[in-house]
Amino acid sequence: MIVSTRGRYALRIMAELAGSDEFRSLKILAQRQNIPHKYAESIMTALVKAGFAEGSRGKNGGYRLSRAPEKYTLAEILQVTETSLSSSACSGDGNGCPRAADCPTFPIWKALDETVFGFLSQYTLLDLLKS
């Protein structure tokens, strides 16, 4: 599994939002995290759609988290921003591979995926703020 730039940026934006309860402008978020504005806008659209953040328009508008930082796991954030968290093309749920039931390597890839997902599920945005 390779976490894309989009996933890494999403984690950085969410960590930035976790540092305050106030709305933060997208312009400032993008500048502070050195992320192109259009890219940050695309990521925020996905995060708002998933219910992870809320937006407000106007002079003091921007974005903020929808819930407390400790309520977000890194795994769930990456699930919103990544196409797949699977280690190989065939390991997802096995439905895409006609050989999954008979493949000697499928259980290994599936176990690796479960391990990675479990690892990422142990960490929250609050953990990122502590590091």
N, C-alpha and C. Protein backbone atom coordinates (compact mmCIF):
# COMPACT_ATOMS: atom_id res chain seq x y z
N MET A 1 0.84 -1.18 0.00
CA MET A 1 0.00 0.00 0.00
C MET A 1 0.88 1.24 0.00
N ILE A 2 0.59 2.13 -0.89
CA ILE A 2 1.26 3.42 -0.91
C ILE A 2 0.21 4.48 -0.67
N VAL A 3 0.41 5.28 0.36
CA VAL A 3 -0.52 6.36 0.64
C VAL A 3 -0.19 7.50 -0.32
N SER A 4 -1.19 7.95 -1.04
CA SER A 4 -0.98 8.99 -2.04
C SER A 4 -0.76 10.35 -1.39
N THR A 5 -0.35 11.29 -2.21
CA THR A 5 -0.20 12.67 -1.75
C THR A 5 -1.52 13.17 -1.20
N ARG A 6 -2.62 12.82 -1.85
CA ARG A 6 -3.95 13.25 -1.39
C ARG A 6 -4.22 12.76 0.03
N GLY A 7 -3.88 11.52 0.32
CA GLY A 7 -4.08 10.98 1.65
C GLY A 7 -3.20 11.65 2.69
N ARG A 8 -1.94 11.87 2.33
CA ARG A 8 -1.02 12.54 3.26
C ARG A 8 -1.47 13.97 3.52
N TYR A 9 -1.89 14.67 2.48
CA TYR A 9 -2.38 16.04 2.64
C TYR A 9 -3.64 16.06 3.50
N ALA A 10 -4.53 15.11 3.30
CA ALA A 10 -5.76 15.06 4.10
C ALA A 10 -5.45 14.90 5.58
N LEU A 11 -4.49 14.04 5.90
CA LEU A 11 -4.10 13.87 7.30
C LEU A 11 -3.53 15.17 7.87
N ARG A 12 -2.72 15.87 7.08
CA ARG A 12 -2.14 17.13 7.54
C ARG A 12 -3.21 18.20 7.73
N ILE A 13 -4.16 18.27 6.81
CA ILE A 13 -5.24 19.26 6.94
C ILE A 13 -6.10 18.94 8.16
N MET A 14 -6.44 17.68 8.35
CA MET A 14 -7.26 17.30 9.50
C MET A 14 -6.52 17.58 10.81
N ALA A 15 -5.22 17.34 10.84
CA ALA A 15 -4.43 17.64 12.04
C ALA A 15 -4.41 19.14 12.28
N GLU A 16 -4.30 19.91 11.24
CA GLU A 16 -4.34 21.38 11.36
C GLU A 16 -5.68 21.83 11.92
N LEU A 17 -6.76 21.26 11.42
CA LEU A 17 -8.10 21.60 11.92
C LEU A 17 -8.27 21.16 13.37
N ALA A 18 -7.63 20.08 13.74
CA ALA A 18 -7.77 19.56 15.10
C ALA A 18 -7.15 20.48 16.14
N GLY A 19 -6.31 21.40 15.71
CA GLY A 19 -5.65 22.31 16.63
C GLY A 19 -6.53 23.45 17.11
N SER A 20 -7.77 23.56 16.62
CA SER A 20 -8.64 24.67 17.00
C SER A 20 -10.10 24.30 16.80
N ASP A 21 -10.97 24.88 17.61
CA ASP A 21 -12.41 24.67 17.45
C ASP A 21 -13.03 25.70 16.51
N GLU A 22 -12.26 26.71 16.16
CA GLU A 22 -12.77 27.79 15.31
C GLU A 22 -12.68 27.40 13.85
N PHE A 23 -13.49 28.07 13.03
CA PHE A 23 -13.42 27.86 11.59
C PHE A 23 -12.09 28.41 11.09
N ARG A 24 -11.47 27.66 10.18
CA ARG A 24 -10.20 28.06 9.58
C ARG A 24 -10.39 28.22 8.08
N SER A 25 -9.89 29.29 7.53
CA SER A 25 -10.06 29.52 6.10
C SER A 25 -9.22 28.52 5.32
N LEU A 26 -9.73 28.14 4.17
CA LEU A 26 -9.03 27.20 3.31
C LEU A 26 -7.70 27.79 2.85
N LYS A 27 -7.70 29.06 2.58
CA LYS A 27 -6.46 29.73 2.14
C LYS A 27 -5.36 29.57 3.17
N ILE A 28 -5.70 29.80 4.43
CA ILE A 28 -4.70 29.69 5.50
C ILE A 28 -4.29 28.23 5.71
N LEU A 29 -5.27 27.32 5.68
CA LEU A 29 -4.94 25.90 5.81
C LEU A 29 -3.95 25.47 4.75
N ALA A 30 -4.24 25.84 3.52
CA ALA A 30 -3.38 25.45 2.39
C ALA A 30 -1.99 26.07 2.53
N GLN A 31 -1.94 27.33 2.91
CA GLN A 31 -0.65 28.00 3.07
C GLN A 31 0.17 27.37 4.19
N ARG A 32 -0.45 27.16 5.32
CA ARG A 32 0.28 26.60 6.48
C ARG A 32 0.81 25.20 6.20
N GLN A 33 0.08 24.44 5.41
CA GLN A 33 0.49 23.07 5.11
C GLN A 33 1.23 22.94 3.77
N ASN A 34 1.42 24.09 3.11
CA ASN A 34 2.13 24.11 1.82
C ASN A 34 1.48 23.16 0.81
N ILE A 35 0.16 23.29 0.70
CA ILE A 35 -0.64 22.48 -0.22
C ILE A 35 -1.26 23.42 -1.24
N PRO A 36 -1.21 23.09 -2.52
CA PRO A 36 -1.87 23.94 -3.52
C PRO A 36 -3.35 24.14 -3.17
N HIS A 37 -3.82 25.37 -3.30
CA HIS A 37 -5.18 25.74 -2.89
C HIS A 37 -6.24 24.84 -3.54
N LYS A 38 -6.15 24.62 -4.84
CA LYS A 38 -7.14 23.79 -5.54
C LYS A 38 -7.13 22.36 -5.02
N TYR A 39 -5.95 21.85 -4.71
CA TYR A 39 -5.83 20.50 -4.18
C TYR A 39 -6.48 20.43 -2.79
N ALA A 40 -6.20 21.42 -1.95
CA ALA A 40 -6.79 21.48 -0.62
C ALA A 40 -8.32 21.59 -0.71
N GLU A 41 -8.79 22.34 -1.68
CA GLU A 41 -10.23 22.50 -1.88
C GLU A 41 -10.88 21.15 -2.23
N SER A 42 -10.25 20.41 -3.08
CA SER A 42 -10.74 19.08 -3.47
C SER A 42 -10.78 18.13 -2.28
N ILE A 43 -9.75 18.17 -1.47
CA ILE A 43 -9.69 17.31 -0.29
C ILE A 43 -10.77 17.71 0.71
N MET A 44 -10.95 19.01 0.93
CA MET A 44 -11.97 19.47 1.87
C MET A 44 -13.37 19.09 1.40
N THR A 45 -13.60 19.14 0.11
CA THR A 45 -14.90 18.73 -0.42
C THR A 45 -15.19 17.29 -0.03
N ALA A 46 -14.21 16.41 -0.18
CA ALA A 46 -14.38 15.00 0.18
C ALA A 46 -14.59 14.83 1.68
N LEU A 47 -13.85 15.57 2.48
CA LEU A 47 -13.96 15.46 3.93
C LEU A 47 -15.30 15.98 4.45
N VAL A 48 -15.79 17.05 3.84
CA VAL A 48 -17.11 17.58 4.22
C VAL A 48 -18.20 16.59 3.81
N LYS A 49 -18.08 16.07 2.60
CA LYS A 49 -19.07 15.10 2.11
C LYS A 49 -19.13 13.86 3.01
N ALA A 50 -17.99 13.47 3.56
CA ALA A 50 -17.93 12.31 4.45
C ALA A 50 -18.40 12.66 5.87
N GLY A 51 -18.65 13.93 6.13
CA GLY A 51 -19.10 14.35 7.46
C GLY A 51 -17.98 14.55 8.46
N PHE A 52 -16.73 14.60 7.99
CA PHE A 52 -15.59 14.76 8.88
C PHE A 52 -15.34 16.22 9.25
N ALA A 53 -15.78 17.12 8.40
CA ALA A 53 -15.59 18.55 8.64
C ALA A 53 -16.86 19.27 8.22
N GLU A 54 -16.99 20.47 8.71
CA GLU A 54 -18.13 21.31 8.31
C GLU A 54 -17.59 22.65 7.85
N GLY A 55 -18.29 23.23 6.91
CA GLY A 55 -17.87 24.50 6.36
C GLY A 55 -18.85 25.60 6.70
N SER A 56 -18.33 26.82 6.70
CA SER A 56 -19.14 28.00 6.94
C SER A 56 -18.68 29.09 5.98
N ARG A 57 -19.64 29.78 5.40
CA ARG A 57 -19.31 30.86 4.48
C ARG A 57 -19.27 32.19 5.23
N GLY A 58 -18.70 33.18 4.57
CA GLY A 58 -18.70 34.52 5.14
C GLY A 58 -17.34 34.95 5.64
N LYS A 59 -17.34 36.12 6.25
CA LYS A 59 -16.09 36.75 6.71
C LYS A 59 -15.29 35.85 7.66
N ASN A 60 -15.95 35.23 8.60
CA ASN A 60 -15.27 34.36 9.56
C ASN A 60 -15.46 32.89 9.22
N GLY A 61 -15.75 32.61 7.96
CA GLY A 61 -16.01 31.25 7.53
C GLY A 61 -14.75 30.43 7.35
N GLY A 62 -14.97 29.23 6.96
CA GLY A 62 -13.87 28.29 6.74
C GLY A 62 -14.33 26.90 7.08
N TYR A 63 -13.43 26.13 7.65
CA TYR A 63 -13.71 24.74 7.98
C TYR A 63 -13.29 24.44 9.41
N ARG A 64 -13.98 23.47 10.01
CA ARG A 64 -13.60 22.94 11.31
C ARG A 64 -14.05 21.49 11.37
N LEU A 65 -13.51 20.77 12.33
CA LEU A 65 -13.88 19.37 12.50
C LEU A 65 -15.33 19.25 12.95
N SER A 66 -15.96 18.15 12.58
CA SER A 66 -17.34 17.88 12.98
C SER A 66 -17.42 17.20 14.35
N ARG A 67 -16.32 16.62 14.77
CA ARG A 67 -16.28 15.96 16.08
C ARG A 67 -14.89 16.12 16.69
N ALA A 68 -14.72 15.65 17.90
CA ALA A 68 -13.46 15.79 18.61
C ALA A 68 -12.34 15.02 17.91
N PRO A 69 -11.10 15.53 17.98
CA PRO A 69 -9.96 14.88 17.30
C PRO A 69 -9.77 13.41 17.65
N GLU A 70 -10.06 13.04 18.88
CA GLU A 70 -9.88 11.63 19.28
C GLU A 70 -10.93 10.71 18.69
N LYS A 71 -11.92 11.25 18.02
CA LYS A 71 -12.98 10.46 17.41
C LYS A 71 -12.70 10.10 15.94
N TYR A 72 -11.56 10.52 15.42
CA TYR A 72 -11.18 10.22 14.03
C TYR A 72 -9.98 9.31 14.03
N THR A 73 -10.09 8.17 13.36
CA THR A 73 -8.90 7.33 13.19
C THR A 73 -8.24 7.69 11.86
N LEU A 74 -6.95 7.44 11.80
CA LEU A 74 -6.23 7.70 10.55
C LEU A 74 -6.76 6.80 9.45
N ALA A 75 -7.17 5.58 9.80
CA ALA A 75 -7.70 4.65 8.80
C ALA A 75 -8.94 5.22 8.13
N GLU A 76 -9.87 5.77 8.90
CA GLU A 76 -11.11 6.26 8.29
C GLU A 76 -10.87 7.49 7.44
N ILE A 77 -9.93 8.33 7.82
CA ILE A 77 -9.61 9.49 6.99
C ILE A 77 -9.02 9.04 5.66
N LEU A 78 -8.10 8.09 5.72
CA LEU A 78 -7.48 7.59 4.49
C LEU A 78 -8.50 6.85 3.62
N GLN A 79 -9.48 6.20 4.22
CA GLN A 79 -10.51 5.53 3.43
C GLN A 79 -11.28 6.53 2.58
N VAL A 80 -11.45 7.75 3.07
CA VAL A 80 -12.18 8.77 2.32
C VAL A 80 -11.34 9.30 1.17
N THR A 81 -10.04 9.40 1.37
CA THR A 81 -9.20 10.07 0.38
C THR A 81 -8.44 9.13 -0.56
N GLU A 82 -8.30 7.89 -0.19
CA GLU A 82 -7.55 6.93 -1.01
C GLU A 82 -8.50 6.08 -1.85
N THR A 83 -8.07 5.71 -3.02
CA THR A 83 -8.85 4.82 -3.86
C THR A 83 -8.97 3.46 -3.18
N SER A 84 -7.88 3.02 -2.57
CA SER A 84 -7.87 1.72 -1.90
C SER A 84 -6.75 1.71 -0.86
N LEU A 85 -6.97 0.99 0.20
CA LEU A 85 -5.92 0.78 1.19
C LEU A 85 -5.32 -0.62 1.06
N SER A 86 -5.66 -1.31 -0.01
CA SER A 86 -5.19 -2.68 -0.22
C SER A 86 -3.73 -2.72 -0.64
N SER A 87 -3.06 -3.79 -0.23
CA SER A 87 -1.65 -3.96 -0.55
C SER A 87 -1.42 -4.47 -1.97
N SER A 88 -2.43 -5.08 -2.55
CA SER A 88 -2.30 -5.56 -3.93
C SER A 88 -3.65 -5.46 -4.62
N ALA A 89 -3.63 -5.52 -5.93
CA ALA A 89 -4.86 -5.36 -6.71
C ALA A 89 -5.88 -6.45 -6.38
N CYS A 90 -5.42 -7.62 -6.00
CA CYS A 90 -6.35 -8.73 -5.77
C CYS A 90 -6.79 -8.86 -4.32
N SER A 91 -6.19 -8.09 -3.41
CA SER A 91 -6.44 -8.38 -2.00
C SER A 91 -7.63 -7.67 -1.40
N GLY A 92 -8.19 -6.68 -2.03
CA GLY A 92 -9.33 -5.96 -1.48
C GLY A 92 -10.30 -6.85 -0.74
N ASP A 93 -11.45 -7.13 -1.32
CA ASP A 93 -12.40 -8.03 -0.68
C ASP A 93 -12.43 -9.40 -1.37
N GLY A 94 -11.62 -9.58 -2.39
CA GLY A 94 -11.56 -10.85 -3.09
C GLY A 94 -12.57 -10.97 -4.21
N ASN A 95 -13.53 -10.06 -4.28
CA ASN A 95 -14.55 -10.13 -5.32
C ASN A 95 -14.00 -9.79 -6.70
N GLY A 96 -12.89 -9.04 -6.75
CA GLY A 96 -12.33 -8.65 -8.04
C GLY A 96 -11.42 -9.70 -8.64
N CYS A 97 -11.12 -10.72 -7.88
CA CYS A 97 -10.19 -11.74 -8.35
C CYS A 97 -10.91 -13.08 -8.49
N PRO A 98 -10.97 -13.62 -9.69
CA PRO A 98 -11.64 -14.91 -9.88
C PRO A 98 -10.91 -16.07 -9.20
N ARG A 99 -9.65 -15.85 -8.83
CA ARG A 99 -8.87 -16.93 -8.23
C ARG A 99 -8.79 -16.84 -6.71
N ALA A 100 -9.45 -15.85 -6.10
CA ALA A 100 -9.31 -15.61 -4.66
C ALA A 100 -9.53 -16.88 -3.83
N ALA A 101 -10.53 -17.65 -4.16
CA ALA A 101 -10.85 -18.85 -3.37
C ALA A 101 -9.77 -19.92 -3.48
N ASP A 102 -9.06 -19.96 -4.61
CA ASP A 102 -8.05 -21.00 -4.83
C ASP A 102 -6.62 -20.48 -4.79
N CYS A 103 -6.44 -19.21 -4.60
CA CYS A 103 -5.10 -18.62 -4.67
C CYS A 103 -4.33 -18.81 -3.37
N PRO A 104 -3.13 -19.38 -3.44
CA PRO A 104 -2.37 -19.60 -2.21
C PRO A 104 -1.84 -18.30 -1.59
N THR A 105 -1.75 -17.23 -2.36
CA THR A 105 -1.21 -15.98 -1.81
C THR A 105 -2.30 -15.04 -1.27
N PHE A 106 -3.55 -15.27 -1.67
CA PHE A 106 -4.63 -14.37 -1.25
C PHE A 106 -4.71 -14.19 0.27
N PRO A 107 -4.63 -15.26 1.07
CA PRO A 107 -4.72 -15.08 2.53
C PRO A 107 -3.61 -14.18 3.10
N ILE A 108 -2.43 -14.23 2.48
CA ILE A 108 -1.32 -13.39 2.94
C ILE A 108 -1.62 -11.92 2.68
N TRP A 109 -2.08 -11.61 1.47
CA TRP A 109 -2.39 -10.21 1.13
C TRP A 109 -3.55 -9.70 1.99
N LYS A 110 -4.52 -10.56 2.21
CA LYS A 110 -5.66 -10.18 3.04
C LYS A 110 -5.21 -9.91 4.48
N ALA A 111 -4.35 -10.75 5.01
CA ALA A 111 -3.83 -10.56 6.37
C ALA A 111 -3.00 -9.29 6.47
N LEU A 112 -2.22 -9.00 5.44
CA LEU A 112 -1.42 -7.76 5.42
C LEU A 112 -2.35 -6.54 5.44
N ASP A 113 -3.39 -6.58 4.63
CA ASP A 113 -4.35 -5.48 4.60
C ASP A 113 -5.01 -5.28 5.96
N GLU A 114 -5.39 -6.36 6.60
CA GLU A 114 -6.03 -6.28 7.91
C GLU A 114 -5.06 -5.72 8.96
N THR A 115 -3.79 -6.09 8.85
CA THR A 115 -2.77 -5.59 9.77
C THR A 115 -2.57 -4.09 9.60
N VAL A 116 -2.46 -3.65 8.35
CA VAL A 116 -2.26 -2.22 8.07
C VAL A 116 -3.48 -1.43 8.53
N PHE A 117 -4.67 -1.92 8.21
CA PHE A 117 -5.89 -1.23 8.63
C PHE A 117 -5.98 -1.16 10.15
N GLY A 118 -5.65 -2.27 10.80
CA GLY A 118 -5.67 -2.30 12.27
C GLY A 118 -4.67 -1.32 12.86
N PHE A 119 -3.49 -1.26 12.28
CA PHE A 119 -2.47 -0.32 12.74
C PHE A 119 -2.95 1.12 12.62
N LEU A 120 -3.47 1.48 11.43
CA LEU A 120 -3.95 2.84 11.21
C LEU A 120 -5.18 3.17 12.06
N SER A 121 -5.93 2.16 12.43
CA SER A 121 -7.11 2.36 13.27
C SER A 121 -6.76 2.63 14.72
N GLN A 122 -5.54 2.32 15.12
CA GLN A 122 -5.09 2.55 16.49
C GLN A 122 -4.76 4.01 16.76
N TYR A 123 -4.55 4.79 15.70
CA TYR A 123 -4.10 6.16 15.85
C TYR A 123 -5.22 7.14 15.46
N THR A 124 -5.30 8.21 16.24
CA THR A 124 -6.31 9.23 16.00
C THR A 124 -5.64 10.56 15.67
N LEU A 125 -6.47 11.53 15.30
CA LEU A 125 -5.94 12.88 15.07
C LEU A 125 -5.30 13.42 16.34
N LEU A 126 -5.86 13.09 17.47
CA LEU A 126 -5.27 13.55 18.74
C LEU A 126 -3.85 13.03 18.88
N ASP A 127 -3.61 11.81 18.46
CA ASP A 127 -2.26 11.25 18.50
C ASP A 127 -1.31 12.06 17.63
N LEU A 128 -1.78 12.53 16.49
CA LEU A 128 -0.93 13.35 15.62
C LEU A 128 -0.57 14.67 16.30
N LEU A 129 -1.48 15.22 17.06
CA LEU A 129 -1.22 16.48 17.75
C LEU A 129 -0.18 16.30 18.87
N LYS A 130 -0.13 15.11 19.44
CA LYS A 130 0.81 14.83 20.52
C LYS A 130 2.22 14.59 20.04
N SER A 131 2.37 14.22 18.77
CA SER A 131 3.72 13.88 18.28
C SER A 131 4.50 15.08 17.83
